[in-house]
Amino acid sequence: MKKAAAPSGDAASALIDQRIEELGGWRGPLLARLRALLLEAVPDAVEEWKWANPVWSSNGILCTGEAYKATVKMTFPKGAALPDPAGLFNSSLDGNVRRAIDFRESATLDEKALKALFKAAAAANKKG
């Protein structure tokens, strides 16, 4: 039995729009802002829907966007190899490969540092 491909492009974007709307409260607008920053930083990023979450890719996965009760989490599969001079990574710090950022309701976004991190993830994927 062949496994169905994960939605990408317009279909995935529609699912991400729906997820943002369903979240409401502070989490929906925060996820929408993070999405906008990522797409500004990496204009060729492809939106996908995997594991019931938004996923952004460019030559491989850049990051996922997950919403929990108290946080919105951006997980970077290759985060441990990325420069993070602003110290944005605050979760999954004990792993050898991935890193994540947990944003809470009162979070102030360092938009410049986030865009740099998104660009670094894209550059790392491009290198291979």
C-alpha atoms as a PDB file:
ATOM      1  CA  MET A   1       0.000   0.000   0.000  1.00  0.00           C
ATOM      2  CA  LYS A   2       1.480   3.314  -1.093  1.00  0.00           C
ATOM      3  CA  LYS A   3       1.677   6.073   1.509  1.00  0.00           C
ATOM      4  CA  ALA A   4      -0.043   9.325   0.492  1.00  0.00           C
ATOM      5  CA  ALA A   5       2.221  12.326   0.024  1.00  0.00           C
ATOM      6  CA  ALA A   6       2.048  15.049   2.633  1.00  0.00           C
ATOM      7  CA  PRO A   7       0.189  18.142   1.412  1.00  0.00           C
ATOM      8  CA  SER A   8       2.444  20.925   0.153  1.00  0.00           C
ATOM      9  CA  GLY A   9       2.052  24.220  -1.659  1.00  0.00           C
ATOM     10  CA  ASP A  10      -1.455  25.702  -1.735  1.00  0.00           C
ATOM     11  CA  ALA A  11      -3.067  22.700  -0.012  1.00  0.00           C
ATOM     12  CA  ALA A  12      -0.617  22.904   2.892  1.00  0.00           C
ATOM     13  CA  SER A  13      -0.936  26.697   3.078  1.00  0.00           C
ATOM     14  CA  ALA A  14      -4.706  26.300   3.423  1.00  0.00           C
ATOM     15  CA  LEU A  15      -4.232  23.781   6.253  1.00  0.00           C
ATOM     16  CA  ILE A  16      -1.810  26.164   7.985  1.00  0.00           C
ATOM     17  CA  ASP A  17      -4.307  29.032   7.587  1.00  0.00           C
ATOM     18  CA  GLN A  18      -6.976  26.792   9.130  1.00  0.00           C
ATOM     19  CA  ARG A  19      -4.705  25.821  12.029  1.00  0.00           C
ATOM     20  CA  ILE A  20      -3.895  29.477  12.770  1.00  0.00           C
ATOM     21  CA  GLU A  21      -7.600  30.334  12.770  1.00  0.00           C
ATOM     22  CA  GLU A  22      -8.494  27.355  14.989  1.00  0.00           C
ATOM     23  CA  LEU A  23      -5.857  28.270  17.559  1.00  0.00           C
ATOM     24  CA  GLY A  24      -7.261  31.718  18.189  1.00  0.00           C
ATOM     25  CA  GLY A  25      -6.214  33.497  21.386  1.00  0.00           C
ATOM     26  CA  TRP A  26      -2.562  34.523  21.351  1.00  0.00           C
ATOM     27  CA  ARG A  27      -1.195  31.346  19.741  1.00  0.00           C
ATOM     28  CA  GLY A  28      -2.828  31.824  16.330  1.00  0.00           C
ATOM     29  CA  PRO A  29      -1.525  35.363  15.760  1.00  0.00           C
ATOM     30  CA  LEU A  30       1.917  34.370  17.059  1.00  0.00           C
ATOM     31  CA  LEU A  31       2.154  31.394  14.703  1.00  0.00           C
ATOM     32  CA  ALA A  32       0.974  33.656  11.862  1.00  0.00           C
ATOM     33  CA  ARG A  33       3.713  36.200  12.661  1.00  0.00           C
ATOM     34  CA  LEU A  34       6.411  33.512  12.843  1.00  0.00           C
ATOM     35  CA  ARG A  35       5.216  32.151   9.513  1.00  0.00           C
ATOM     36  CA  ALA A  36       5.364  35.620   7.938  1.00  0.00           C
ATOM     37  CA  LEU A  37       8.897  36.199   9.240  1.00  0.00           C
ATOM     38  CA  LEU A  38      10.054  32.860   7.888  1.00  0.00           C
ATOM     39  CA  LEU A  39       8.557  33.515   4.457  1.00  0.00           C
ATOM     40  CA  GLU A  40      10.128  36.992   4.387  1.00  0.00           C
ATOM     41  CA  ALA A  41      13.533  35.532   5.298  1.00  0.00           C
ATOM     42  CA  VAL A  42      13.323  32.545   2.950  1.00  0.00           C
ATOM     43  CA  PRO A  43      11.015  33.520   0.091  1.00  0.00           C
ATOM     44  CA  ASP A  44      11.461  30.166  -1.700  1.00  0.00           C
ATOM     45  CA  ALA A  45      10.358  28.185   1.369  1.00  0.00           C
ATOM     46  CA  VAL A  46       7.685  25.592   0.641  1.00  0.00           C
ATOM     47  CA  GLU A  47       4.845  25.160   3.092  1.00  0.00           C
ATOM     48  CA  GLU A  48       4.000  21.571   3.942  1.00  0.00           C
ATOM     49  CA  TRP A  49       1.691  19.792   6.374  1.00  0.00           C
ATOM     50  CA  LYS A  50       3.302  16.836   8.162  1.00  0.00           C
ATOM     51  CA  TRP A  51       2.689  15.170  11.496  1.00  0.00           C
ATOM     52  CA  ALA A  52      -0.452  17.362  11.869  1.00  0.00           C
ATOM     53  CA  ASN A  53       1.741  20.491  11.967  1.00  0.00           C
ATOM     54  CA  PRO A  54       2.972  23.223   9.672  1.00  0.00           C
ATOM     55  CA  VAL A  55       6.378  22.490   8.160  1.00  0.00           C
ATOM     56  CA  TRP A  56       8.541  24.842   6.131  1.00  0.00           C
ATOM     57  CA  SER A  57      11.162  23.463   3.757  1.00  0.00           C
ATOM     58  CA  SER A  58      13.873  24.684   1.430  1.00  0.00           C
ATOM     59  CA  ASN A  59      16.189  21.897   0.237  1.00  0.00           C
ATOM     60  CA  GLY A  60      15.008  19.994   3.318  1.00  0.00           C
ATOM     61  CA  ILE A  61      13.030  20.894   6.423  1.00  0.00           C
ATOM     62  CA  LEU A  62      13.820  24.324   7.883  1.00  0.00           C
ATOM     63  CA  CYS A  63      11.506  24.037  10.879  1.00  0.00           C
ATOM     64  CA  THR A  64       8.131  22.928  12.138  1.00  0.00           C
ATOM     65  CA  GLY A  65       5.549  25.035  13.932  1.00  0.00           C
ATOM     66  CA  GLU A  66       3.745  23.334  16.774  1.00  0.00           C
ATOM     67  CA  ALA A  67       1.147  24.784  19.126  1.00  0.00           C
ATOM     68  CA  TYR A  68       0.700  23.577  22.676  1.00  0.00           C
ATOM     69  CA  LYS A  69      -1.410  24.889  25.535  1.00  0.00           C
ATOM     70  CA  ALA A  70       1.286  27.217  26.914  1.00  0.00           C
ATOM     71  CA  THR A  71       3.691  27.562  23.969  1.00  0.00           C
ATOM     72  CA  VAL A  72       4.153  27.867  20.256  1.00  0.00           C
ATOM     73  CA  LYS A  73       7.252  25.867  19.358  1.00  0.00           C
ATOM     74  CA  MET A  74       9.490  26.199  16.334  1.00  0.00           C
ATOM     75  CA  THR A  75      11.651  23.082  15.981  1.00  0.00           C
ATOM     76  CA  PHE A  76      14.725  23.143  13.742  1.00  0.00           C
ATOM     77  CA  PRO A  77      15.865  19.615  12.778  1.00  0.00           C
ATOM     78  CA  LYS A  78      19.455  20.823  12.213  1.00  0.00           C
ATOM     79  CA  GLY A  79      19.362  23.475  14.933  1.00  0.00           C
ATOM     80  CA  ALA A  80      22.431  22.282  16.816  1.00  0.00           C
ATOM     81  CA  ALA A  81      24.553  23.127  13.761  1.00  0.00           C
ATOM     82  CA  LEU A  82      23.127  26.631  13.314  1.00  0.00           C
ATOM     83  CA  PRO A  83      24.680  29.835  14.633  1.00  0.00           C
ATOM     84  CA  ASP A  84      22.472  31.346  17.354  1.00  0.00           C
ATOM     85  CA  PRO A  85      24.279  34.470  18.587  1.00  0.00           C
ATOM     86  CA  ALA A  86      21.050  35.926  20.023  1.00  0.00           C
ATOM     87  CA  GLY A  87      20.457  32.779  22.107  1.00  0.00           C
ATOM     88  CA  LEU A  88      16.983  32.113  20.703  1.00  0.00           C
ATOM     89  CA  PHE A  89      17.083  28.348  21.207  1.00  0.00           C
ATOM     90  CA  ASN A  90      15.577  27.551  24.597  1.00  0.00           C
ATOM     91  CA  SER A  91      14.269  24.000  24.157  1.00  0.00           C
ATOM     92  CA  SER A  92      15.594  20.595  23.053  1.00  0.00           C
ATOM     93  CA  LEU A  93      19.051  21.785  24.041  1.00  0.00           C
ATOM     94  CA  ASP A  94      20.269  18.352  25.138  1.00  0.00           C
ATOM     95  CA  GLY A  95      20.009  16.758  21.685  1.00  0.00           C
ATOM     96  CA  ASN A  96      22.877  16.386  19.258  1.00  0.00           C
ATOM     97  CA  VAL A  97      20.983  17.593  16.197  1.00  0.00           C
ATOM     98  CA  ARG A  98      17.734  19.473  16.714  1.00  0.00           C
ATOM     99  CA  ARG A  99      16.951  22.621  18.656  1.00  0.00           C
ATOM    100  CA  ALA A 100      13.704  24.451  19.335  1.00  0.00           C
ATOM    101  CA  ILE A 101      12.357  27.776  20.476  1.00  0.00           C
ATOM    102  CA  ASP A 102       9.399  27.821  22.854  1.00  0.00           C
ATOM    103  CA  PHE A 103       7.426  31.048  22.637  1.00  0.00           C
ATOM    104  CA  ARG A 104       5.097  31.820  25.523  1.00  0.00           C
ATOM    105  CA  GLU A 105       2.192  34.255  25.544  1.00  0.00           C
ATOM    106  CA  SER A 106       4.321  37.146  26.778  1.00  0.00           C
ATOM    107  CA  ALA A 107       7.126  36.519  24.258  1.00  0.00           C
ATOM    108  CA  THR A 108       8.779  39.456  22.554  1.00  0.00           C
ATOM    109  CA  LEU A 109      10.039  38.449  19.128  1.00  0.00           C
ATOM    110  CA  ASP A 110      13.569  39.353  18.103  1.00  0.00           C
ATOM    111  CA  GLU A 111      12.529  39.518  14.464  1.00  0.00           C
ATOM    112  CA  LYS A 112      15.994  40.284  13.125  1.00  0.00           C
ATOM    113  CA  ALA A 113      17.536  37.308  14.961  1.00  0.00           C
ATOM    114  CA  LEU A 114      14.678  35.008  13.929  1.00  0.00           C
ATOM    115  CA  LYS A 115      15.094  35.929  10.268  1.00  0.00           C
ATOM    116  CA  ALA A 116      18.844  35.300  10.543  1.00  0.00           C
ATOM    117  CA  LEU A 117      18.125  31.876  12.046  1.00  0.00           C
ATOM    118  CA  PHE A 118      15.660  31.011   9.261  1.00  0.00           C
ATOM    119  CA  LYS A 119      18.245  32.089   6.661  1.00  0.00           C
ATOM    120  CA  ALA A 120      20.949  30.040   8.408  1.00  0.00           C
ATOM    121  CA  ALA A 121      18.695  26.956   8.339  1.00  0.00           C
ATOM    122  CA  ALA A 122      18.125  27.435   4.598  1.00  0.00           C
ATOM    123  CA  ALA A 123      21.860  27.882   3.993  1.00  0.00           C
ATOM    124  CA  ALA A 124      22.637  24.726   5.996  1.00  0.00           C
ATOM    125  CA  ASN A 125      20.139  22.737   3.925  1.00  0.00           C
ATOM    126  CA  LYS A 126      21.574  24.096   0.692  1.00  0.00           C
ATOM    127  CA  LYS A 127      25.071  22.945   1.729  1.00  0.00           C
ATOM    128  CA  GLY A 128      23.695  19.468   2.289  1.00  0.00           C
END
